[in-house]
Every structure is written in structure tokens, then in C-alpha cells.
Amino acid sequence: MPAQIVTTDDLLLFKQELLDELKTVINQSSNEPKKWLRSSEVRKMLAISPGTLQNLRINGTLPYSKVGGVIYYPYDGIMQVIEENLVNRIEL
């Protein structure tokens, strides 16, 4: 079997193609939110403490699912709660 020689130009071409593919994948995934979020992601999204998140879960404000000790929150459910609690204020 004959040996193939890889040149610097081949490596540069491979690098560029790989970067282009990675950019495409990152752009596609960042455009749509994840369907299920973990507690840390929800806390960051809502800027709340772990205790506040637990209270929202316990009093039934936020829907969630628990799988193997890990709690997941549906993105759509969180957005629905935010929209339902929207307050329209008229400033005088």
C-alpha cells in the first residue's frame, strides 16, 4: 500500500473545512432553545436562587419532570408561566 504524504496546505484546507462545519452546527443549535432545561439553566435564565426555584417547583408554579434524581423543566412551560404572569402597568 503506497504511503500518502499530507502537506501543510492539506492540513490548512482540512482546518478551514472543519471550522466551517462547526460554525454551521453552532449557529443551528443556538437559534432554537433546548426543549428541557436543568435547574442551573433555569436559575440563570430567571436570575433566581436555588431556594426560589425550589419554592416555584413545590407550589406548582413551574412544571417539571424528575428522572433519576435530576430535575428537568420544559422551556415552553417556563415561557408560559412568564407570559401568564405578565403585568401591564400604566404609569401616571
PDB file of N, CA and C in Angstrom:
ATOM      1  N   MET A   1       0.854  -1.172   0.000  1.00  0.00           N
ATOM      2  CA  MET A   1       0.000   0.000   0.000  1.00  0.00           C
ATOM      3  C   MET A   1       0.898   1.232   0.000  1.00  0.00           C
ATOM      4  N   PRO A   2       0.730   2.090  -0.985  1.00  0.00           N
ATOM      5  CA  PRO A   2       1.591   3.267  -1.071  1.00  0.00           C
ATOM      6  C   PRO A   2       1.257   4.278   0.023  1.00  0.00           C
ATOM      7  N   ALA A   3       2.272   4.952   0.510  1.00  0.00           N
ATOM      8  CA  ALA A   3       2.098   5.972   1.547  1.00  0.00           C
ATOM      9  C   ALA A   3       1.609   7.263   0.912  1.00  0.00           C
ATOM     10  N   GLN A   4       0.780   7.985   1.656  1.00  0.00           N
ATOM     11  CA  GLN A   4       0.304   9.281   1.191  1.00  0.00           C
ATOM     12  C   GLN A   4       0.957  10.360   2.050  1.00  0.00           C
ATOM     13  N   ILE A   5       1.392  11.379   1.401  1.00  0.00           N
ATOM     14  CA  ILE A   5       2.037  12.475   2.100  1.00  0.00           C
ATOM     15  C   ILE A   5       1.023  13.594   2.297  1.00  0.00           C
ATOM     16  N   VAL A   6       0.901  14.036   3.552  1.00  0.00           N
ATOM     17  CA  VAL A   6      -0.008  15.118   3.887  1.00  0.00           C
ATOM     18  C   VAL A   6       0.817  16.400   3.958  1.00  0.00           C
ATOM     19  N   THR A   7       0.399  17.369   3.179  1.00  0.00           N
ATOM     20  CA  THR A   7       1.140  18.633   3.136  1.00  0.00           C
ATOM     21  C   THR A   7       0.518  19.649   4.091  1.00  0.00           C
ATOM     22  N   THR A   8       1.220  20.711   4.313  1.00  0.00           N
ATOM     23  CA  THR A   8       0.714  21.806   5.140  1.00  0.00           C
ATOM     24  C   THR A   8      -0.544  22.390   4.521  1.00  0.00           C
ATOM     25  N   ASP A   9      -0.580  22.488   3.213  1.00  0.00           N
ATOM     26  CA  ASP A   9      -1.779  23.003   2.536  1.00  0.00           C
ATOM     27  C   ASP A   9      -2.978  22.093   2.771  1.00  0.00           C
ATOM     28  N   ASP A  10      -2.743  20.774   2.772  1.00  0.00           N
ATOM     29  CA  ASP A  10      -3.828  19.825   3.054  1.00  0.00           C
ATOM     30  C   ASP A  10      -4.381  20.046   4.458  1.00  0.00           C
ATOM     31  N   LEU A  11      -3.502  20.236   5.414  1.00  0.00           N
ATOM     32  CA  LEU A  11      -3.926  20.460   6.794  1.00  0.00           C
ATOM     33  C   LEU A  11      -4.684  21.779   6.949  1.00  0.00           C
ATOM     34  N   LEU A  12      -4.213  22.810   6.270  1.00  0.00           N
ATOM     35  CA  LEU A  12      -4.908  24.097   6.333  1.00  0.00           C
ATOM     36  C   LEU A  12      -6.308  24.008   5.718  1.00  0.00           C
ATOM     37  N   LEU A  13      -6.430  23.278   4.615  1.00  0.00           N
ATOM     38  CA  LEU A  13      -7.725  23.075   3.977  1.00  0.00           C
ATOM     39  C   LEU A  13      -8.656  22.299   4.907  1.00  0.00           C
ATOM     40  N   PHE A  14      -8.143  21.249   5.534  1.00  0.00           N
ATOM     41  CA  PHE A  14      -8.927  20.450   6.471  1.00  0.00           C
ATOM     42  C   PHE A  14      -9.395  21.315   7.651  1.00  0.00           C
ATOM     43  N   LYS A  15      -8.502  22.127   8.159  1.00  0.00           N
ATOM     44  CA  LYS A  15      -8.830  23.017   9.279  1.00  0.00           C
ATOM     45  C   LYS A  15      -9.968  23.958   8.898  1.00  0.00           C
ATOM     46  N   GLN A  16      -9.887  24.568   7.725  1.00  0.00           N
ATOM     47  CA  GLN A  16     -10.916  25.505   7.289  1.00  0.00           C
ATOM     48  C   GLN A  16     -12.257  24.812   7.114  1.00  0.00           C
ATOM     49  N   GLU A  17     -12.251  23.619   6.520  1.00  0.00           N
ATOM     50  CA  GLU A  17     -13.497  22.871   6.336  1.00  0.00           C
ATOM     51  C   GLU A  17     -14.112  22.496   7.684  1.00  0.00           C
ATOM     52  N   LEU A  18     -13.276  22.083   8.624  1.00  0.00           N
ATOM     53  CA  LEU A  18     -13.747  21.708   9.949  1.00  0.00           C
ATOM     54  C   LEU A  18     -14.342  22.910  10.680  1.00  0.00           C
ATOM     55  N   LEU A  19     -13.676  24.051  10.608  1.00  0.00           N
ATOM     56  CA  LEU A  19     -14.194  25.267  11.240  1.00  0.00           C
ATOM     57  C   LEU A  19     -15.528  25.695  10.625  1.00  0.00           C
ATOM     58  N   ASP A  20     -15.638  25.597   9.321  1.00  0.00           N
ATOM     59  CA  ASP A  20     -16.892  25.952   8.650  1.00  0.00           C
ATOM     60  C   ASP A  20     -18.034  25.049   9.114  1.00  0.00           C
ATOM     61  N   GLU A  21     -17.776  23.757   9.228  1.00  0.00           N
ATOM     62  CA  GLU A  21     -18.806  22.826   9.687  1.00  0.00           C
ATOM     63  C   GLU A  21     -19.197  23.101  11.132  1.00  0.00           C
ATOM     64  N   LEU A  22     -18.214  23.386  11.984  1.00  0.00           N
ATOM     65  CA  LEU A  22     -18.503  23.691  13.383  1.00  0.00           C
ATOM     66  C   LEU A  22     -19.344  24.960  13.511  1.00  0.00           C
ATOM     67  N   LYS A  23     -19.030  25.976  12.723  1.00  0.00           N
ATOM     68  CA  LYS A  23     -19.814  27.210  12.740  1.00  0.00           C
ATOM     69  C   LYS A  23     -21.260  26.938  12.346  1.00  0.00           C
ATOM     70  N   THR A  24     -21.465  26.096  11.351  1.00  0.00           N
ATOM     71  CA  THR A  24     -22.811  25.759  10.898  1.00  0.00           C
ATOM     72  C   THR A  24     -23.584  25.061  12.004  1.00  0.00           C
ATOM     73  N   VAL A  25     -22.958  24.106  12.664  1.00  0.00           N
ATOM     74  CA  VAL A  25     -23.624  23.366  13.741  1.00  0.00           C
ATOM     75  C   VAL A  25     -23.944  24.290  14.909  1.00  0.00           C
ATOM     76  N   ILE A  26     -23.022  25.144  15.279  1.00  0.00           N
ATOM     77  CA  ILE A  26     -23.242  26.059  16.398  1.00  0.00           C
ATOM     78  C   ILE A  26     -24.360  27.036  16.084  1.00  0.00           C
ATOM     79  N   ASN A  27     -24.397  27.565  14.884  1.00  0.00           N
ATOM     80  CA  ASN A  27     -25.452  28.510  14.502  1.00  0.00           C
ATOM     81  C   ASN A  27     -26.819  27.849  14.497  1.00  0.00           C
ATOM     82  N   GLN A  28     -26.898  26.615  14.049  1.00  0.00           N
ATOM     83  CA  GLN A  28     -28.171  25.912  14.015  1.00  0.00           C
ATOM     84  C   GLN A  28     -28.675  25.637  15.424  1.00  0.00           C
ATOM     85  N   SER A  29     -27.785  25.226  16.318  1.00  0.00           N
ATOM     86  CA  SER A  29     -28.214  24.869  17.668  1.00  0.00           C
ATOM     87  C   SER A  29     -28.497  26.093  18.522  1.00  0.00           C
ATOM     88  N   SER A  30     -27.851  27.222  18.255  1.00  0.00           N
ATOM     89  CA  SER A  30     -28.080  28.401  19.083  1.00  0.00           C
ATOM     90  C   SER A  30     -29.354  29.144  18.692  1.00  0.00           C
ATOM     91  N   ASN A  31     -29.906  28.870  17.541  1.00  0.00           N
ATOM     92  CA  ASN A  31     -31.120  29.549  17.093  1.00  0.00           C
ATOM     93  C   ASN A  31     -32.369  29.016  17.781  1.00  0.00           C
ATOM     94  N   GLU A  32     -32.355  27.780  18.206  1.00  0.00           N
ATOM     95  CA  GLU A  32     -33.522  27.205  18.837  1.00  0.00           C
ATOM     96  C   GLU A  32     -33.175  26.803  20.271  1.00  0.00           C
ATOM     97  N   PRO A  33     -34.031  27.161  21.234  1.00  0.00           N
ATOM     98  CA  PRO A  33     -33.738  26.828  22.625  1.00  0.00           C
ATOM     99  C   PRO A  33     -33.877  25.332  22.874  1.00  0.00           C
ATOM    100  N   LYS A  34     -33.215  24.883  23.926  1.00  0.00           N
ATOM    101  CA  LYS A  34     -33.335  23.484  24.314  1.00  0.00           C
ATOM    102  C   LYS A  34     -34.759  23.217  24.783  1.00  0.00           C
ATOM    103  N   LYS A  35     -35.252  22.015  24.549  1.00  0.00           N
ATOM    104  CA  LYS A  35     -36.611  21.674  24.940  1.00  0.00           C
ATOM    105  C   LYS A  35     -36.715  21.502  26.454  1.00  0.00           C
ATOM    106  N   TRP A  36     -35.691  20.932  27.068  1.00  0.00           N
ATOM    107  CA  TRP A  36     -35.675  20.697  28.506  1.00  0.00           C
ATOM    108  C   TRP A  36     -34.448  21.358  29.116  1.00  0.00           C
ATOM    109  N   LEU A  37     -34.634  22.015  30.266  1.00  0.00           N
ATOM    110  CA  LEU A  37     -33.556  22.725  30.939  1.00  0.00           C
ATOM    111  C   LEU A  37     -33.321  22.123  32.320  1.00  0.00           C
ATOM    112  N   ARG A  38     -32.064  22.152  32.755  1.00  0.00           N
ATOM    113  CA  ARG A  38     -31.738  21.725  34.109  1.00  0.00           C
ATOM    114  C   ARG A  38     -31.918  22.901  35.060  1.00  0.00           C
ATOM    115  N   SER A  39     -31.879  22.596  36.345  1.00  0.00           N
ATOM    116  CA  SER A  39     -32.107  23.614  37.368  1.00  0.00           C
ATOM    117  C   SER A  39     -31.165  24.803  37.224  1.00  0.00           C
ATOM    118  N   SER A  40     -29.888  24.533  37.003  1.00  0.00           N
ATOM    119  CA  SER A  40     -28.916  25.630  36.897  1.00  0.00           C
ATOM    120  C   SER A  40     -29.237  26.546  35.720  1.00  0.00           C
ATOM    121  N   GLU A  41     -29.713  25.975  34.628  1.00  0.00           N
ATOM    122  CA  GLU A  41     -30.064  26.783  33.458  1.00  0.00           C
ATOM    123  C   GLU A  41     -31.301  27.637  33.729  1.00  0.00           C
ATOM    124  N   VAL A  42     -32.264  27.076  34.451  1.00  0.00           N
ATOM    125  CA  VAL A  42     -33.478  27.825  34.777  1.00  0.00           C
ATOM    126  C   VAL A  42     -33.144  28.950  35.754  1.00  0.00           C
ATOM    127  N   ARG A  43     -32.307  28.657  36.741  1.00  0.00           N
ATOM    128  CA  ARG A  43     -31.916  29.698  37.703  1.00  0.00           C
ATOM    129  C   ARG A  43     -31.209  30.848  37.004  1.00  0.00           C
ATOM    130  N   LYS A  44     -30.336  30.521  36.064  1.00  0.00           N
ATOM    131  CA  LYS A  44     -29.627  31.567  35.323  1.00  0.00           C
ATOM    132  C   LYS A  44     -30.611  32.341  34.440  1.00  0.00           C
ATOM    133  N   MET A  45     -31.525  31.644  33.793  1.00  0.00           N
ATOM    134  CA  MET A  45     -32.487  32.265  32.884  1.00  0.00           C
ATOM    135  C   MET A  45     -33.404  33.242  33.623  1.00  0.00           C
ATOM    136  N   LEU A  46     -33.850  32.852  34.822  1.00  0.00           N
ATOM    137  CA  LEU A  46     -34.779  33.669  35.593  1.00  0.00           C
ATOM    138  C   LEU A  46     -34.087  34.542  36.637  1.00  0.00           C
ATOM    139  N   ALA A  47     -32.774  34.373  36.782  1.00  0.00           N
ATOM    140  CA  ALA A  47     -31.988  35.126  37.775  1.00  0.00           C
ATOM    141  C   ALA A  47     -32.560  34.941  39.174  1.00  0.00           C
ATOM    142  N   ILE A  48     -32.733  33.675  39.576  1.00  0.00           N
ATOM    143  CA  ILE A  48     -33.279  33.365  40.893  1.00  0.00           C
ATOM    144  C   ILE A  48     -32.341  32.417  41.627  1.00  0.00           C
ATOM    145  N   SER A  49     -32.547  32.320  42.929  1.00  0.00           N
ATOM    146  CA  SER A  49     -31.718  31.456  43.774  1.00  0.00           C
ATOM    147  C   SER A  49     -32.237  30.020  43.741  1.00  0.00           C
ATOM    148  N   PRO A  50     -31.428  29.073  44.208  1.00  0.00           N
ATOM    149  CA  PRO A  50     -31.905  27.680  44.277  1.00  0.00           C
ATOM    150  C   PRO A  50     -33.154  27.535  45.145  1.00  0.00           C
ATOM    151  N   GLY A  51     -33.218  28.290  46.256  1.00  0.00           N
ATOM    152  CA  GLY A  51     -34.389  28.224  47.130  1.00  0.00           C
ATOM    153  C   GLY A  51     -35.649  28.729  46.460  1.00  0.00           C
ATOM    154  N   THR A  52     -35.529  29.805  45.702  1.00  0.00           N
ATOM    155  CA  THR A  52     -36.686  30.347  44.978  1.00  0.00           C
ATOM    156  C   THR A  52     -37.163  29.353  43.928  1.00  0.00           C
ATOM    157  N   LEU A  53     -36.223  28.731  43.236  1.00  0.00           N
ATOM    158  CA  LEU A  53     -36.605  27.729  42.233  1.00  0.00           C
ATOM    159  C   LEU A  53     -37.325  26.563  42.898  1.00  0.00           C
ATOM    160  N   GLN A  54     -36.831  26.140  44.053  1.00  0.00           N
ATOM    161  CA  GLN A  54     -37.480  25.049  44.779  1.00  0.00           C
ATOM    162  C   GLN A  54     -38.895  25.456  45.191  1.00  0.00           C
ATOM    163  N   ASN A  55     -39.074  26.674  45.668  1.00  0.00           N
ATOM    164  CA  ASN A  55     -40.413  27.146  46.044  1.00  0.00           C
ATOM    165  C   ASN A  55     -41.356  27.176  44.843  1.00  0.00           C
ATOM    166  N   LEU A  56     -40.869  27.632  43.700  1.00  0.00           N
ATOM    167  CA  LEU A  56     -41.698  27.658  42.483  1.00  0.00           C
ATOM    168  C   LEU A  56     -42.099  26.252  42.059  1.00  0.00           C
ATOM    169  N   ARG A  57     -41.207  25.320  42.288  1.00  0.00           N
ATOM    170  CA  ARG A  57     -41.495  23.927  41.945  1.00  0.00           C
ATOM    171  C   ARG A  57     -42.500  23.333  42.933  1.00  0.00           C
ATOM    172  N   ILE A  58     -42.282  23.565  44.228  1.00  0.00           N
ATOM    173  CA  ILE A  58     -43.145  22.987  45.268  1.00  0.00           C
ATOM    174  C   ILE A  58     -44.567  23.531  45.189  1.00  0.00           C
ATOM    175  N   ASN A  59     -44.710  24.849  44.982  1.00  0.00           N
ATOM    176  CA  ASN A  59     -46.070  25.412  44.957  1.00  0.00           C
ATOM    177  C   ASN A  59     -46.763  25.241  43.606  1.00  0.00           C
ATOM    178  N   GLY A  60     -46.111  24.547  42.673  1.00  0.00           N
ATOM    179  CA  GLY A  60     -46.748  24.210  41.406  1.00  0.00           C
ATOM    180  C   GLY A  60     -46.691  25.299  40.355  1.00  0.00           C
ATOM    181  N   THR A  61     -45.892  26.334  40.593  1.00  0.00           N
ATOM    182  CA  THR A  61     -45.796  27.419  39.617  1.00  0.00           C
ATOM    183  C   THR A  61     -45.078  26.965  38.360  1.00  0.00           C
ATOM    184  N   LEU A  62     -43.983  26.232  38.531  1.00  0.00           N
ATOM    185  CA  LEU A  62     -43.198  25.749  37.385  1.00  0.00           C
ATOM    186  C   LEU A  62     -43.399  24.254  37.186  1.00  0.00           C
ATOM    187  N   PRO A  63     -43.731  23.840  35.976  1.00  0.00           N
ATOM    188  CA  PRO A  63     -43.820  22.403  35.701  1.00  0.00           C
ATOM    189  C   PRO A  63     -42.422  21.807  35.628  1.00  0.00           C
ATOM    190  N   TYR A  64     -42.305  20.542  36.006  1.00  0.00           N
ATOM    191  CA  TYR A  64     -41.002  19.887  35.960  1.00  0.00           C
ATOM    192  C   TYR A  64     -41.173  18.379  35.840  1.00  0.00           C
ATOM    193  N   SER A  65     -40.076  17.729  35.551  1.00  0.00           N
ATOM    194  CA  SER A  65     -40.028  16.276  35.473  1.00  0.00           C
ATOM    195  C   SER A  65     -38.752  15.835  36.162  1.00  0.00           C
ATOM    196  N   LYS A  66     -38.838  14.754  36.906  1.00  0.00           N
ATOM    197  CA  LYS A  66     -37.664  14.254  37.624  1.00  0.00           C
ATOM    198  C   LYS A  66     -37.308  12.874  37.083  1.00  0.00           C
ATOM    199  N   VAL A  67     -36.081  12.760  36.605  1.00  0.00           N
ATOM    200  CA  VAL A  67     -35.610  11.497  36.043  1.00  0.00           C
ATOM    201  C   VAL A  67     -34.301  11.140  36.729  1.00  0.00           C
ATOM    202  N   GLY A  68     -34.316  10.054  37.481  1.00  0.00           N
ATOM    203  CA  GLY A  68     -33.094   9.596  38.143  1.00  0.00           C
ATOM    204  C   GLY A  68     -32.469  10.628  39.056  1.00  0.00           C
ATOM    205  N   GLY A  69     -33.272  11.402  39.745  1.00  0.00           N
ATOM    206  CA  GLY A  69     -32.753  12.399  40.667  1.00  0.00           C
ATOM    207  C   GLY A  69     -32.413  13.734  40.030  1.00  0.00           C
ATOM    208  N   VAL A  70     -32.519  13.836  38.717  1.00  0.00           N
ATOM    209  CA  VAL A  70     -32.240  15.096  38.015  1.00  0.00           C
ATOM    210  C   VAL A  70     -33.570  15.724  37.630  1.00  0.00           C
ATOM    211  N   ILE A  71     -33.710  17.013  37.946  1.00  0.00           N
ATOM    212  CA  ILE A  71     -34.959  17.714  37.657  1.00  0.00           C
ATOM    213  C   ILE A  71     -34.803  18.486  36.345  1.00  0.00           C
ATOM    214  N   TYR A  72     -35.780  18.297  35.466  1.00  0.00           N
ATOM    215  CA  TYR A  72     -35.806  18.978  34.176  1.00  0.00           C
ATOM    216  C   TYR A  72     -37.062  19.840  34.098  1.00  0.00           C
ATOM    217  N   TYR A  73     -36.908  21.015  33.484  1.00  0.00           N
ATOM    218  CA  TYR A  73     -38.018  21.946  33.313  1.00  0.00           C
ATOM    219  C   TYR A  73     -38.244  22.160  31.822  1.00  0.00           C
ATOM    220  N   PRO A  74     -39.502  22.077  31.365  1.00  0.00           N
ATOM    221  CA  PRO A  74     -39.760  22.316  29.939  1.00  0.00           C
ATOM    222  C   PRO A  74     -39.625  23.806  29.615  1.00  0.00           C
ATOM    223  N   TYR A  75     -38.855  24.113  28.590  1.00  0.00           N
ATOM    224  CA  TYR A  75     -38.663  25.513  28.191  1.00  0.00           C
ATOM    225  C   TYR A  75     -40.001  26.182  27.909  1.00  0.00           C
ATOM    226  N   ASP A  76     -40.871  25.489  27.173  1.00  0.00           N
ATOM    227  CA  ASP A  76     -42.184  26.058  26.832  1.00  0.00           C
ATOM    228  C   ASP A  76     -43.004  26.335  28.087  1.00  0.00           C
ATOM    229  N   GLY A  77     -42.900  25.463  29.090  1.00  0.00           N
ATOM    230  CA  GLY A  77     -43.637  25.659  30.335  1.00  0.00           C
ATOM    231  C   GLY A  77     -43.162  26.890  31.086  1.00  0.00           C
ATOM    232  N   ILE A  78     -41.853  27.119  31.083  1.00  0.00           N
ATOM    233  CA  ILE A  78     -41.303  28.296  31.747  1.00  0.00           C
ATOM    234  C   ILE A  78     -41.770  29.561  31.035  1.00  0.00           C
ATOM    235  N   MET A  79     -41.713  29.551  29.708  1.00  0.00           N
ATOM    236  CA  MET A  79     -42.150  30.721  28.945  1.00  0.00           C
ATOM    237  C   MET A  79     -43.641  30.986  29.157  1.00  0.00           C
ATOM    238  N   GLN A  80     -44.431  29.939  29.280  1.00  0.00           N
ATOM    239  CA  GLN A  80     -45.865  30.091  29.514  1.00  0.00           C
ATOM    240  C   GLN A  80     -46.113  30.738  30.878  1.00  0.00           C
ATOM    241  N   VAL A  81     -45.383  30.303  31.899  1.00  0.00           N
ATOM    242  CA  VAL A  81     -45.535  30.902  33.228  1.00  0.00           C
ATOM    243  C   VAL A  81     -45.163  32.376  33.197  1.00  0.00           C
ATOM    244  N   ILE A  82     -44.095  32.716  32.492  1.00  0.00           N
ATOM    245  CA  ILE A  82     -43.680  34.114  32.380  1.00  0.00           C
ATOM    246  C   ILE A  82     -44.761  34.937  31.695  1.00  0.00           C
ATOM    247  N   GLU A  83     -45.328  34.418  30.614  1.00  0.00           N
ATOM    248  CA  GLU A  83     -46.363  35.153  29.884  1.00  0.00           C
ATOM    249  C   GLU A  83     -47.646  35.285  30.704  1.00  0.00           C
ATOM    250  N   GLU A  84     -48.005  34.230  31.458  1.00  0.00           N
ATOM    251  CA  GLU A  84     -49.217  34.282  32.275  1.00  0.00           C
ATOM    252  C   GLU A  84     -49.087  35.291  33.411  1.00  0.00           C
ATOM    253  N   ASN A  85     -47.871  35.528  33.859  1.00  0.00           N
ATOM    254  CA  ASN A  85     -47.644  36.458  34.971  1.00  0.00           C
ATOM    255  C   ASN A  85     -47.218  37.843  34.500  1.00  0.00           C
ATOM    256  N   LEU A  86     -47.394  38.112  33.229  1.00  0.00           N
ATOM    257  CA  LEU A  86     -47.056  39.417  32.686  1.00  0.00           C
ATOM    258  C   LEU A  86     -47.969  40.474  33.283  1.00  0.00           C
ATOM    259  N   VAL A  87     -47.368  41.534  33.763  1.00  0.00           N
ATOM    260  CA  VAL A  87     -48.131  42.610  34.388  1.00  0.00           C
ATOM    261  C   VAL A  87     -48.030  43.837  33.499  1.00  0.00           C
ATOM    262  N   ASN A  88     -49.188  44.343  33.097  1.00  0.00           N
ATOM    263  CA  ASN A  88     -49.229  45.585  32.308  1.00  0.00           C
ATOM    264  C   ASN A  88     -49.441  46.732  33.276  1.00  0.00           C
ATOM    265  N   ARG A  89     -48.465  47.594  33.352  1.00  0.00           N
ATOM    266  CA  ARG A  89     -48.557  48.718  34.266  1.00  0.00           C
ATOM    267  C   ARG A  89     -48.704  50.010  33.461  1.00  0.00           C
ATOM    268  N   ILE A  90     -49.600  50.824  33.907  1.00  0.00           N
ATOM    269  CA  ILE A  90     -49.780  52.133  33.311  1.00  0.00           C
ATOM    270  C   ILE A  90     -49.182  53.146  34.262  1.00  0.00           C
ATOM    271  N   GLU A  91     -48.178  53.836  33.793  1.00  0.00           N
ATOM    272  CA  GLU A  91     -47.531  54.844  34.649  1.00  0.00           C
ATOM    273  C   GLU A  91     -48.257  56.162  34.515  1.00  0.00           C
ATOM    274  N   LEU A  92     -48.478  56.790  35.648  1.00  0.00           N
ATOM    275  CA  LEU A  92     -49.157  58.080  35.660  1.00  0.00           C
ATOM    276  C   LEU A  92     -48.183  59.222  35.630  1.00  0.00           C
TER     277      LEU A  92
END
